[in-house]
């Protein structure tokens, strides 16, 4: 399952905001297994 967040925190404690990259949100995979491969 994907979740969408407007900001993410890096390992060193810094914050990255999606609006700084021209996006509304970051898509993050949260699930029991690895991220699924996109198929066309």
N, C-alpha and C. Protein backbone atom coordinates (compact mmCIF):
# COMPACT_ATOMS: atom_id res chain seq x y z
N UNK A 1 0.84 -1.15 0.00
CA UNK A 1 0.00 0.00 0.00
C UNK A 1 0.90 1.23 0.00
N UNK A 2 0.52 2.21 -0.78
CA UNK A 2 1.24 3.48 -0.81
C UNK A 2 0.58 4.48 0.12
N UNK A 3 1.39 5.31 0.77
CA UNK A 3 0.88 6.44 1.52
C UNK A 3 1.50 7.70 0.93
N UNK A 4 0.85 8.81 1.11
CA UNK A 4 1.33 10.07 0.56
C UNK A 4 1.61 11.03 1.70
N UNK A 5 2.80 11.64 1.68
CA UNK A 5 3.20 12.58 2.73
C UNK A 5 3.74 13.84 2.07
N UNK A 6 3.42 15.00 2.65
CA UNK A 6 3.88 16.27 2.10
C UNK A 6 5.32 16.55 2.46
N UNK A 7 5.84 15.88 3.49
CA UNK A 7 7.25 16.06 3.86
C UNK A 7 7.81 14.75 4.37
N UNK A 8 9.12 14.61 4.26
CA UNK A 8 9.80 13.45 4.80
C UNK A 8 10.99 13.93 5.62
N UNK A 9 11.38 13.14 6.60
CA UNK A 9 12.52 13.47 7.45
C UNK A 9 13.68 12.56 7.08
N UNK A 10 14.85 13.14 6.85
CA UNK A 10 16.02 12.36 6.49
C UNK A 10 16.64 11.75 7.74
N UNK A 11 17.59 10.86 7.54
CA UNK A 11 18.24 10.17 8.66
C UNK A 11 19.00 11.13 9.57
N UNK A 12 19.48 12.24 9.02
CA UNK A 12 20.22 13.20 9.85
C UNK A 12 19.31 14.24 10.50
N UNK A 13 17.99 14.09 10.35
CA UNK A 13 17.05 14.97 11.03
C UNK A 13 16.54 16.13 10.21
N UNK A 14 16.99 16.28 8.98
CA UNK A 14 16.51 17.36 8.13
C UNK A 14 15.16 17.04 7.53
N UNK A 15 14.41 18.06 7.18
CA UNK A 15 13.10 17.86 6.57
C UNK A 15 13.16 18.25 5.10
N UNK A 16 12.53 17.43 4.26
CA UNK A 16 12.41 17.71 2.83
C UNK A 16 10.93 17.87 2.53
N UNK A 17 10.58 18.99 1.92
CA UNK A 17 9.19 19.28 1.60
C UNK A 17 8.94 19.04 0.12
N UNK A 18 7.80 18.42 -0.20
CA UNK A 18 7.45 18.09 -1.58
C UNK A 18 7.30 19.35 -2.43
N UNK A 19 6.79 20.43 -1.85
CA UNK A 19 6.57 21.65 -2.63
C UNK A 19 7.88 22.25 -3.13
N UNK A 20 9.00 21.94 -2.46
CA UNK A 20 10.31 22.41 -2.93
C UNK A 20 10.73 21.70 -4.21
N UNK A 21 10.11 20.56 -4.49
CA UNK A 21 10.41 19.78 -5.69
C UNK A 21 9.29 19.84 -6.72
N UNK A 22 8.34 20.76 -6.53
CA UNK A 22 7.25 20.93 -7.48
C UNK A 22 6.20 19.84 -7.39
N UNK A 23 6.11 19.16 -6.25
CA UNK A 23 5.13 18.09 -6.06
C UNK A 23 4.18 18.46 -4.93
N UNK A 24 3.04 17.79 -4.89
CA UNK A 24 2.10 17.99 -3.79
C UNK A 24 2.42 17.05 -2.64
N UNK A 25 2.96 15.86 -2.94
CA UNK A 25 3.26 14.88 -1.90
C UNK A 25 4.27 13.87 -2.43
N UNK A 26 4.93 13.19 -1.49
CA UNK A 26 5.81 12.08 -1.83
C UNK A 26 5.04 10.78 -1.66
N UNK A 27 5.23 9.85 -2.57
CA UNK A 27 4.58 8.54 -2.48
C UNK A 27 5.56 7.58 -1.81
N UNK A 28 5.13 6.95 -0.73
CA UNK A 28 6.00 6.07 0.05
C UNK A 28 5.33 4.70 0.16
N UNK A 29 6.09 3.65 -0.14
CA UNK A 29 5.56 2.29 -0.05
C UNK A 29 5.61 1.80 1.39
N UNK A 30 4.47 1.37 1.90
CA UNK A 30 4.37 0.77 3.22
C UNK A 30 3.64 -0.56 3.02
N UNK A 31 4.29 -1.66 3.31
CA UNK A 31 3.62 -2.94 3.12
C UNK A 31 4.45 -4.10 3.64
N UNK A 32 3.90 -5.27 3.59
CA UNK A 32 4.58 -6.44 4.14
C UNK A 32 5.77 -6.91 3.30
N UNK A 33 5.77 -6.57 2.03
CA UNK A 33 6.83 -7.03 1.15
C UNK A 33 7.51 -5.87 0.45
N UNK A 34 8.36 -6.20 -0.53
CA UNK A 34 9.02 -5.13 -1.29
C UNK A 34 8.04 -4.38 -2.17
N UNK A 35 8.46 -3.22 -2.62
CA UNK A 35 7.62 -2.39 -3.49
C UNK A 35 7.37 -3.14 -4.79
N UNK A 36 6.11 -3.21 -5.25
CA UNK A 36 5.82 -3.93 -6.48
C UNK A 36 6.43 -3.25 -7.70
N UNK A 37 6.75 -4.06 -8.70
CA UNK A 37 7.32 -3.56 -9.94
C UNK A 37 6.20 -3.03 -10.82
N UNK A 38 6.40 -1.83 -11.38
CA UNK A 38 5.39 -1.22 -12.24
C UNK A 38 5.33 -1.98 -13.56
N UNK A 39 4.13 -2.39 -13.97
CA UNK A 39 3.96 -3.09 -15.23
C UNK A 39 3.13 -2.23 -16.17
N UNK A 40 3.49 -2.24 -17.45
CA UNK A 40 2.77 -1.42 -18.44
C UNK A 40 1.67 -2.18 -19.07
